[in-house]
Structure formats: structure tokens, C-alpha cells
Protein backbone atom coordinates (compact mmCIF):
# COMPACT_ATOMS: atom_id res chain seq x y z
CA MET A 1 0.42 10.93 -16.83
CA LEU A 2 -2.18 8.65 -15.31
CA ASN A 3 -4.29 9.15 -18.42
CA PHE A 4 -1.52 7.80 -20.70
CA ILE A 5 -0.63 4.91 -18.39
CA TRP A 6 -4.26 3.83 -18.12
CA ALA A 7 -4.74 3.92 -21.89
CA GLY A 8 -1.34 2.25 -22.34
CA PHE A 9 -2.47 -0.82 -20.38
CA PHE A 10 -5.32 -1.35 -22.82
CA ILE A 11 -3.32 -0.61 -25.97
CA PHE A 12 -0.27 -2.69 -25.04
CA GLY A 13 -2.51 -5.54 -23.90
CA PHE A 14 -4.41 -5.44 -27.20
CA ILE A 15 -1.15 -5.50 -29.18
CA CYS A 16 0.11 -8.52 -27.24
CA ALA A 17 -3.18 -10.34 -27.72
CA ALA A 18 -3.14 -9.57 -31.45
CA TYR A 19 0.42 -10.93 -31.70
CA GLN A 20 -0.58 -14.16 -29.98
CA SER A 21 -3.59 -14.68 -32.23
CA LEU A 22 -1.94 -13.73 -35.53
CA ILE A 23 1.57 -15.14 -35.03
CA GLY A 24 0.99 -17.82 -32.42
CA GLY A 25 -2.41 -18.89 -33.71
CA ASP A 26 -3.94 -18.72 -30.24
CA LEU A 27 -7.45 -17.45 -30.92
CA SER A 28 -8.62 -18.24 -27.40
CA VAL A 29 -6.73 -15.19 -26.15
CA TRP A 30 -9.67 -12.95 -27.14
CA GLN A 31 -12.09 -14.98 -25.08
CA ASN A 32 -9.67 -14.88 -22.16
CA LEU A 33 -9.47 -11.10 -22.45
CA SER A 34 -13.24 -10.69 -22.54
CA THR A 35 -13.74 -13.03 -19.59
CA SER A 36 -11.04 -11.25 -17.59
CA LEU A 37 -12.35 -7.79 -18.44
CA PHE A 38 -15.99 -8.47 -17.54
CA GLY A 39 -15.07 -10.54 -14.50
CA THR A 40 -12.80 -7.79 -13.18
CA ALA A 41 -15.49 -5.14 -13.63
CA LYS A 42 -17.72 -7.24 -11.39
CA THR A 43 -14.86 -7.81 -8.94
CA ALA A 44 -14.16 -4.08 -8.72
CA PHE A 45 -17.81 -3.48 -7.82
CA LEU A 46 -17.75 -6.24 -5.20
CA ILE A 47 -14.55 -4.82 -3.66
CA SER A 48 -16.30 -1.51 -3.18
CA ILE A 49 -19.37 -3.17 -1.68
CA ASN A 50 -17.26 -5.34 0.61
CA LEU A 51 -15.43 -2.22 1.77
CA THR A 52 -18.70 -0.66 2.87
CA GLY A 53 -18.91 -2.49 6.19
CA LEU A 54 -15.29 -1.73 7.05
CA LEU A 55 -15.71 1.89 6.02
CA CYS A 56 -18.79 2.22 8.21
CA LEU A 57 -16.99 0.66 11.19
CA TRP A 58 -13.83 2.73 11.03
CA LEU A 59 -15.36 6.01 9.92
CA GLY A 60 -17.74 5.64 12.85
CA MET A 61 -14.82 5.08 15.22
CA LEU A 62 -12.93 7.99 13.68
CA LYS A 63 -15.93 10.25 14.23
CA ILE A 64 -15.79 9.34 17.92
CA ALA A 65 -12.03 10.03 17.97
CA GLU A 66 -12.63 13.37 16.28
CA LYS A 67 -15.46 14.45 18.59
CA SER A 68 -13.54 13.37 21.70
CA GLY A 69 -10.47 15.39 20.70
CA LEU A 70 -8.11 12.46 20.13
CA THR A 71 -7.32 13.51 16.57
CA VAL A 72 -6.49 17.01 17.81
CA LEU A 73 -4.10 15.53 20.39
CA LEU A 74 -2.38 13.50 17.67
CA ALA A 75 -2.19 16.57 15.47
CA LYS A 76 -0.59 18.58 18.29
CA ALA A 77 2.03 15.89 18.89
CA LEU A 78 3.11 16.00 15.25
CA ALA A 79 2.37 19.64 14.49
CA PRO A 80 6.09 20.60 14.42
CA LEU A 81 6.84 17.93 11.80
CA PHE A 82 3.79 18.51 9.62
CA GLY A 83 4.31 22.25 9.87
CA LYS A 84 7.52 21.65 7.91
CA ILE A 85 6.42 18.96 5.44
CA MET A 86 2.76 20.03 5.02
CA PRO A 87 2.89 23.81 5.49
CA ASP A 88 -0.53 24.28 3.85
CA VAL A 89 -2.30 22.28 6.59
CA PRO A 90 -3.16 24.37 9.68
CA GLN A 91 -1.80 23.24 13.02
CA ASN A 92 -4.13 20.97 15.01
CA HIS A 93 -6.25 20.26 11.91
CA PRO A 94 -8.19 16.94 12.24
CA ALA A 95 -6.61 15.69 8.99
CA LEU A 96 -3.28 15.34 10.76
CA GLY A 97 -4.75 12.96 13.32
CA SER A 98 -6.39 10.87 10.58
CA ILE A 99 -3.11 10.73 8.66
CA ILE A 100 -1.23 9.48 11.71
CA MET A 101 -3.80 6.78 12.47
CA ASN A 102 -3.71 5.68 8.83
CA MET A 103 0.08 5.42 8.87
CA ALA A 104 0.03 3.58 12.21
CA ALA A 105 -2.47 1.04 10.84
CA ASN A 106 -0.31 0.51 7.75
CA MET A 107 2.79 0.00 9.88
CA LEU A 108 0.98 -2.68 11.87
CA GLY A 109 -0.25 -4.42 8.72
CA LEU A 110 -3.89 -3.57 9.50
CA ASP A 111 -5.01 -2.90 5.90
CA ASN A 112 -8.72 -3.09 6.73
CA ALA A 113 -8.34 -0.29 9.27
CA ALA A 114 -5.86 1.78 7.24
CA THR A 115 -8.05 2.33 4.16
CA PRO A 116 -11.04 3.99 5.90
CA MET A 117 -8.66 6.17 7.93
CA GLY A 118 -6.80 7.16 4.77
CA LEU A 119 -10.02 8.03 2.96
CA LYS A 120 -11.10 10.18 5.87
CA ALA A 121 -7.74 11.98 5.84
CA MET A 122 -7.99 12.59 2.09
CA GLU A 123 -11.48 14.06 2.47
CA GLN A 124 -10.30 16.36 5.26
CA LEU A 125 -7.35 17.50 3.15
CA GLN A 126 -9.74 18.12 0.25
CA GLU A 127 -11.58 20.64 2.40
CA LEU A 128 -8.38 22.71 2.44
CA ASN A 129 -7.70 22.22 -1.27
CA PRO A 130 -8.39 25.39 -3.31
CA LYS A 131 -8.39 23.48 -6.62
CA LYS A 132 -10.83 20.62 -6.16
CA ASP A 133 -9.83 18.69 -9.32
CA THR A 134 -6.08 18.95 -8.65
CA ALA A 135 -4.18 17.21 -5.86
CA SER A 136 -2.76 19.63 -3.31
CA PRO A 137 0.87 19.30 -2.16
CA ALA A 138 -0.32 17.81 1.14
CA GLN A 139 -2.48 15.24 -0.68
CA VAL A 140 0.41 14.29 -2.96
CA LEU A 141 2.72 13.73 0.00
CA PHE A 142 0.10 11.77 1.91
CA MET A 143 -0.68 9.55 -1.07
CA VAL A 144 3.01 8.77 -1.70
CA LEU A 145 3.65 8.01 1.98
CA ASN A 146 0.58 5.79 1.98
CA ALA A 147 1.56 3.95 -1.19
CA SER A 148 5.06 3.31 0.17
CA ALA A 149 3.98 2.78 3.77
CA VAL A 150 6.40 1.10 6.16
CA THR A 151 5.16 -2.32 7.28
CA LEU A 152 6.52 -3.23 10.70
CA ILE A 153 4.55 -6.47 11.01
CA PRO A 154 3.80 -8.20 7.66
CA ILE A 155 1.24 -10.61 9.11
CA THR A 156 -0.30 -11.78 5.82
CA ILE A 157 3.03 -12.69 4.23
CA LEU A 158 4.18 -14.60 7.30
CA MET A 159 0.86 -16.45 7.34
CA TYR A 160 1.16 -17.55 3.70
CA ARG A 161 4.73 -18.72 4.22
CA ALA A 162 3.65 -20.76 7.21
CA GLU A 163 0.67 -22.28 5.37
CA LEU A 164 2.82 -23.24 2.38
CA GLY A 165 5.30 -25.14 4.51
CA SER A 166 8.16 -22.73 5.19
CA ALA A 167 10.49 -24.00 7.90
CA ASN A 168 11.11 -20.39 9.01
CA PRO A 169 8.19 -18.13 7.99
CA SER A 170 9.59 -15.06 9.76
CA ALA A 171 12.92 -15.17 7.89
CA VAL A 172 11.61 -12.40 5.61
CA PHE A 173 10.76 -10.06 8.50
CA ILE A 174 13.97 -8.01 8.60
CA PRO A 175 14.47 -7.91 4.79
CA ILE A 176 10.90 -6.60 4.41
CA LEU A 177 11.57 -3.98 7.07
CA PHE A 178 14.63 -2.75 5.17
CA ALA A 179 12.87 -2.80 1.78
CA THR A 180 9.75 -0.98 2.94
CA SER A 181 11.82 1.59 4.87
CA ALA A 182 13.84 2.30 1.72
CA SER A 183 10.65 2.69 -0.28
CA THR A 184 9.16 5.16 2.19
CA LEU A 185 12.37 7.18 2.47
CA VAL A 186 12.78 7.48 -1.30
CA GLY A 187 9.11 8.40 -1.74
CA PHE A 188 9.35 11.10 0.91
CA LEU A 189 12.60 12.52 -0.49
CA ALA A 190 11.17 12.53 -4.02
CA VAL A 191 8.14 14.55 -2.93
CA ALA A 192 10.34 16.83 -0.81
CA TYR A 193 12.48 17.53 -3.88
CA VAL A 194 9.49 18.24 -6.14
CA GLN A 195 7.80 20.45 -3.56
CA LYS A 196 11.09 22.05 -2.43
CA LEU A 197 10.51 21.16 1.21
CA ASN A 198 13.21 22.07 3.71
CA ILE A 199 13.91 18.75 5.36
CA PHE A 200 17.42 19.52 6.58
CA ASN A 201 16.39 21.16 9.82
CA ARG A 202 16.41 19.99 13.42
CA THR A 203 12.66 19.36 13.60
CA VAL A 204 12.43 17.02 10.62
CA LEU A 205 15.70 15.28 11.47
CA ALA A 206 14.53 14.69 15.04
CA TYR A 207 11.35 13.00 13.85
CA LEU A 208 13.30 10.95 11.31
CA LEU A 209 15.63 9.74 14.07
CA LEU A 210 12.57 8.83 16.15
CA PHE A 211 11.19 6.89 13.18
CA VAL A 212 14.48 5.02 12.79
CA ALA A 213 14.49 4.24 16.52
CA ILE A 214 10.95 2.82 16.38
CA VAL A 215 11.71 0.69 13.32
CA GLY A 216 15.01 -0.46 14.79
CA GLY A 217 13.42 -1.22 18.16
CA ALA A 218 10.68 -3.31 16.55
CA ALA A 219 13.25 -5.19 14.49
CA PHE A 220 15.43 -5.84 17.55
CA TYR A 221 12.48 -7.08 19.61
CA PHE A 222 11.22 -9.56 17.02
CA LEU A 223 14.74 -10.76 16.23
CA SER A 224 15.24 -11.50 19.92
CA LEU A 225 12.29 -13.91 19.88
CA PRO A 226 12.69 -17.56 18.90
CA PRO A 227 11.75 -18.02 15.22
CA SER A 228 8.77 -20.16 16.17
CA GLN A 229 7.29 -17.33 18.26
CA ARG A 230 7.76 -14.38 15.89
CA PHE A 231 4.67 -14.95 13.78
CA ALA A 232 2.37 -15.62 16.73
CA SER A 233 3.74 -12.65 18.67
CA SER A 234 3.47 -10.20 15.77
CA SER A 235 -0.08 -11.33 14.99
CA ALA A 236 -1.13 -11.10 18.64
CA LEU A 237 0.42 -7.64 19.02
CA SER A 238 -1.31 -6.29 15.92
CA ASN A 239 -4.72 -7.59 16.94
CA PHE A 240 -4.27 -6.36 20.52
CA LEU A 241 -3.37 -2.86 19.31
CA LEU A 242 -6.37 -2.88 16.97
CA MET A 243 -8.77 -3.59 19.83
CA PHE A 244 -6.83 -1.24 22.12
CA PHE A 245 -7.38 1.67 19.70
CA ILE A 246 -11.13 0.97 19.63
CA LEU A 247 -11.21 0.87 23.44
CA ILE A 248 -9.34 4.18 23.67
CA PHE A 249 -11.75 5.81 21.22
CA LEU A 250 -14.77 4.69 23.24
CA LEU A 251 -13.28 5.63 26.62
CA ALA A 252 -12.26 9.06 25.32
CA GLY A 253 -15.78 9.61 24.01
CA LEU A 254 -17.37 8.61 27.31
CA TYR A 255 -14.90 10.78 29.23
CA LYS A 256 -15.90 13.78 27.10
CA LYS A 257 -19.56 12.88 27.75
CA ILE A 258 -20.52 12.58 24.10
CA ASN A 259 -23.17 10.17 22.81
CA VAL A 260 -20.76 7.56 21.41
CA TYR A 261 -23.52 5.51 19.77
CA GLU A 262 -25.07 8.41 17.87
CA THR A 263 -21.62 9.74 17.00
CA PHE A 264 -20.60 6.33 15.65
CA ILE A 265 -23.77 6.15 13.51
CA SER A 266 -23.11 9.64 12.18
CA GLY A 267 -19.64 8.64 11.02
CA ALA A 268 -20.71 5.23 9.76
CA LYS A 269 -23.26 6.80 7.42
CA GLU A 270 -20.37 8.36 5.53
CA GLY A 271 -18.97 4.92 4.77
CA PHE A 272 -21.65 4.02 2.24
CA ASP A 273 -21.22 7.30 0.34
CA VAL A 274 -17.47 6.80 0.12
CA ALA A 275 -17.85 3.21 -1.11
CA VAL A 276 -20.18 4.32 -3.92
CA LYS A 277 -17.87 7.17 -4.97
CA ILE A 278 -14.86 4.91 -5.58
CA ILE A 279 -16.66 2.31 -7.76
CA PRO A 280 -16.01 4.00 -11.18
CA TYR A 281 -12.35 4.58 -10.37
CA LEU A 282 -11.79 0.98 -9.29
CA VAL A 283 -13.57 -0.39 -12.37
CA ALA A 284 -11.44 1.79 -14.68
CA MET A 285 -8.10 0.90 -13.12
CA LEU A 286 -8.61 -2.78 -12.30
CA CYS A 287 -10.06 -3.59 -15.74
CA ALA A 288 -7.04 -2.04 -17.46
CA ILE A 289 -4.68 -4.02 -15.24
CA ALA A 290 -6.61 -7.26 -15.81
CA LEU A 291 -6.42 -6.88 -19.58
CA PHE A 292 -2.68 -6.12 -19.36
CA ARG A 293 -2.10 -9.28 -17.36
CA SER A 294 -4.42 -11.61 -19.32
CA SER A 295 -2.96 -10.59 -22.68
CA GLY A 296 0.43 -12.03 -21.80
CA ALA A 297 2.10 -8.61 -21.62
CA LEU A 298 3.32 -9.33 -18.09
CA ASP A 299 5.00 -12.60 -19.18
CA LEU A 300 6.60 -10.74 -22.08
CA LEU A 301 8.14 -8.21 -19.71
CA VAL A 302 9.58 -10.94 -17.49
CA SER A 303 11.12 -12.72 -20.50
CA ALA A 304 12.67 -9.46 -21.72
CA PHE A 305 14.32 -8.86 -18.35
CA GLN A 306 15.64 -12.42 -18.34
CA VAL A 307 17.34 -11.83 -21.68
CA VAL A 308 18.76 -8.43 -20.70
CA PHE A 309 20.23 -9.54 -17.36
CA SER A 310 21.69 -12.69 -18.91
CA PHE A 311 23.33 -10.60 -21.63
CA PHE A 312 25.15 -8.48 -19.04
CA GLY A 313 26.18 -11.51 -17.01
CA ILE A 314 24.00 -10.63 -14.03
CA ASN A 315 22.75 -13.42 -11.79
CA THR A 316 19.17 -14.09 -12.84
CA ASP A 317 18.01 -16.22 -9.90
CA PHE A 318 15.68 -13.39 -8.86
CA VAL A 319 13.90 -13.15 -12.22
CA ALA A 320 11.34 -15.76 -11.19
CA ALA A 321 10.19 -13.28 -8.52
CA LEU A 322 9.69 -10.42 -11.00
CA PRO A 323 6.01 -11.19 -11.73
CA THR A 324 5.28 -10.19 -8.13
CA ALA A 325 7.33 -7.01 -8.63
CA PHE A 326 5.46 -6.06 -11.82
CA MET A 327 2.06 -6.81 -10.32
CA LYS A 328 2.64 -5.11 -6.96
CA PRO A 329 2.04 -1.51 -8.13
CA LEU A 330 -0.93 -2.66 -10.21
CA SER A 331 -2.95 -5.12 -8.16
CA GLY A 332 -2.65 -6.24 -4.55
CA SER A 333 -4.55 -9.48 -5.13
CA GLY A 334 -2.62 -10.08 -8.36
CA ALA A 335 0.74 -9.61 -6.62
CA ARG A 336 -0.37 -11.86 -3.78
CA ALA A 337 -1.36 -14.53 -6.30
CA MET A 338 2.04 -14.22 -8.00
CA MET A 339 3.80 -14.58 -4.65
CA ILE A 340 1.81 -17.70 -3.79
CA GLU A 341 2.35 -19.09 -7.27
CA THR A 342 6.12 -18.59 -6.92
CA MET A 343 6.15 -20.36 -3.55
CA GLN A 344 4.14 -23.26 -4.95
CA ALA A 345 6.31 -23.58 -8.06
CA TYR A 346 9.74 -23.28 -6.41
CA GLY A 347 9.06 -24.10 -2.77
CA ALA A 348 8.23 -21.79 0.13
CA ASP A 349 11.88 -21.62 1.23
CA SER A 350 13.40 -21.24 -2.24
CA PHE A 351 15.31 -18.11 -3.27
CA PRO A 352 12.68 -16.89 -5.79
CA ALA A 353 9.96 -17.32 -3.15
CA PHE A 354 12.09 -15.54 -0.56
CA VAL A 355 12.60 -12.53 -2.86
CA SER A 356 8.96 -12.56 -3.95
CA CYS A 357 7.78 -12.31 -0.33
CA ILE A 358 10.13 -9.39 0.37
CA ILE A 359 8.86 -7.58 -2.72
CA GLN A 360 5.26 -8.19 -1.65
CA GLY A 361 5.95 -6.46 1.67
CA SER A 362 8.05 -3.62 0.28
CA THR A 363 5.28 -1.25 -0.86
CA GLU A 364 1.54 -0.77 -1.15
CA THR A 365 -0.46 -1.17 -4.37
CA THR A 366 0.20 2.22 -5.97
CA PHE A 367 -2.47 2.32 -8.68
CA TYR A 368 -5.14 0.94 -6.34
CA VAL A 369 -4.29 3.50 -3.65
CA LEU A 370 -4.23 6.29 -6.21
CA ALA A 371 -7.57 5.26 -7.75
CA VAL A 372 -9.33 4.83 -4.40
CA TYR A 373 -7.95 7.83 -2.51
CA PHE A 374 -8.09 10.40 -5.29
CA GLY A 375 -11.29 8.91 -6.67
CA ALA A 376 -13.02 9.36 -3.32
CA VAL A 377 -12.52 13.14 -3.54
CA LYS A 378 -12.93 13.34 -7.35
CA ILE A 379 -9.38 14.48 -8.10
CA SER A 380 -8.37 13.91 -11.73
CA LYS A 381 -5.06 15.81 -11.82
CA THR A 382 -2.67 13.96 -9.53
CA GLY A 383 0.47 15.99 -10.20
CA ALA A 384 3.71 14.41 -9.00
CA ALA A 385 1.95 11.75 -6.91
CA LEU A 386 2.23 8.91 -9.43
CA PRO A 387 5.88 9.48 -10.55
CA CYS A 388 7.06 9.83 -6.94
CA ALA A 389 5.09 6.75 -5.84
CA LEU A 390 6.46 4.66 -8.72
CA LEU A 391 9.99 5.81 -7.84
CA ALA A 392 9.35 4.63 -4.29
CA ASP A 393 8.10 1.31 -5.70
CA LEU A 394 11.28 0.93 -7.73
CA ALA A 395 13.44 1.66 -4.68
CA GLY A 396 11.51 -0.90 -2.65
CA ILE A 397 11.79 -3.58 -5.33
CA ILE A 398 15.53 -3.04 -5.88
CA THR A 399 16.16 -3.09 -2.13
CA ALA A 400 14.05 -6.24 -1.83
CA ILE A 401 16.16 -8.03 -4.46
CA LEU A 402 19.42 -6.89 -2.82
CA CYS A 403 18.16 -7.95 0.61
CA GLY A 404 17.21 -11.31 -0.89
CA TYR A 405 20.81 -11.93 -1.90
CA ALA A 406 22.12 -10.58 1.42
CA PHE A 407 19.80 -12.47 3.79
CA TYR A 408 18.86 -15.69 2.00
CA SER A 409 20.19 -18.85 3.54
CA PRO A 410 19.11 -22.20 2.05
CA LEU A 411 17.80 -24.62 4.66
């Protein structure tokens, strides 16, 4: 499926560009496509290079956590749950600890920390994979959960709203929490259905209730704060936890009397190899997306939805936020640009901007995550990962729009 979608971006983009040049007489579209294509190829390479330092840092820290036994402790704590949803992964396997740390970083909005942890988890799962070119059930589930990851503290979105003049930057906090929770739940249920996982048992239900309690507790705490303090408090908490994790890793390593410096270097060396491995996959995916966007195909889709919703008498106030929705699965930076563009065009506290921000926080960038994570372990057959992840994206976007109507209050 990924093969057809990737080729489809190029073909549909070429058709749209041809239409503009032949019917609209806009010959500059070809130059725009070439500039975008070559520029994105360079950008994809730079993204990989810029990731190298972060990969070295966090893979080094993860090596310390692994050697000190922290990942085993995490795996033991969640062994009952993962024994049900990832039956092919042995109990206490280090991959389980890496998965949990990746998900925790995503929940806290720590993208820079989440990616190296996720790549480490994918490599550890690949060691258990009997078919090296085909995603295992555990890898499919992990990828979908990662692509639809719950974001408890959407720091970046709150920051942009504050910078662009929103009177209440944290107004999107609860709607984002609902949207991203819906995305994760749908993604998990979709994979459970495809893989025929038994989720209706006391173990899984107990963990789900714990998850709901954590999400609900976080929402209650931040809602109890004055609006002016929510952004500062969420940012401070995230950064404190980030440094706290590093401190715990180092203290655990010293307690176990391992050479933390040499262990860190050993793990950090893996970062460069991983960064090089993902370059071809990023170039392939990001260039296709750039051509799709530059050709005007994205604008065409938005116009088509405007016509369809108007025909059925549906309120179309949210349509101005759809560019963010279309770009979100394709490009994180592209979706962020669309969100900022919407806030600049309509105002940071306008309804389209409000919905756009909720959409931005509802899911991860599916195609980027798929290209990076599967590319790092050279998996070409992704199975049900992409359909389930896109279904989760759709659930998150629909919930974001509904939450926009339910929570928006003009100032």
C-alpha cells in the first residue's frame, strides 16, 4: 500500500501541475516543483544530520538505562499488559522498556527525546522479527501507537499561540487531550482487530483504566490552574521530567557500578549509524509530499471539501483548518506551517485557528514516523501499520473538529 501511496503523490502532483500549466497558463508551476523537489531532498538530508546529535545523546542514555537494569524494571511493570497485546515479545525484554520511555516522552511532548527511544525500540523488536523485511505484529502495534501518541502537554502549540497573540493560549489543552486520546484508542483498537488480540480481559482493562486516570488527572490538574499559569507550568514540568530522567539513568548506572561514561559512548556511537540509515527513506517520502503540496493538489482537495460540505448544508467554518489536517499525516513541519498560516490569516483566537491547533496536537506525522522507524530497520513490507495509523489520524481529526465546535468560545 505504501508503494502505491508514494507513487500516487508524484503522479497526482504531476497531473495537477499539468492542469495548471495547460489550462491556467501558469508555466512557473514547473519551476516551483523543481525547486521544491530539490530543496526538500536537501532538507531531508539535513534533518537526518541534525538528528545525529540527539540520537547520540539519547541512545547513549538508553544504553546506560539498559545496562543498569532500568529498562528491565519498566518491562516487568508492564509485562502483564504487553504479554496480552504483544505476545511475541518475551517478558522482561529490553524493547518493552524502550517502548515505554518512547511513549512517555511523546506524552510529555518531548519529541527530541521520543524519536531516539522509538528507534531503539524498533531495532530491539527487529531482533525478534523472523522476517526481516516484513513488520512483525509487535512492530505494527508500536508504530501505530507511536503515530497516534497521546500528547498530555502540547508545549509547542501553546508556545505558538502565545507568540501569535492569543489571549488564552492554553484554551486548546483539553480539546487536544480528547482528540489525541481518541486517535490513540482507535489506532489501538484497529490493530487489535487486525491481529485478533484479546483486549476484553481484566489485565488490559485495568491498564486502560489506569491510562484514563492518568490522562484525566493531568487534565484536572492543568484545568485547576489559572489560564496564565498553564503554559509556564506545563513547560516547566516537561523540562523538569526530562532532566529528572537523565539524572535517574546516571544514578542507576553509578549504583550498579558500571562505567557510565564508556557506556554512554558505546550507545552514542549507534546514533550516527541510525541517522545514516534513515536518509534514503526520508528523501523518498518528503520529496513526494513536497511535490504533492507544491503542485496545488492540497489546495484542490480543500476546495473540493468546501463544495461537498456546502452542498449537504454542513457548517463549513472548519474548512479553513483542513490544510493542517491534510498536511499532518504527511509532514510535521508542513502541518505546523499551515497551523501558523491559519492563525496569521484569521487571528490566533479565531475558530479556524482554534480547530487547526487541535488538529496539530491530535496525532503524530504518520508518514514521517513510518519512513523513519521502518527505514531504520530496513522493513519494506509494513502490513496493516499504515491503514491502522491513517484510521487513527482520521479519528483524531474528526474528534478535533467536533471538539472545536464544542469548546470554542469567541473572546
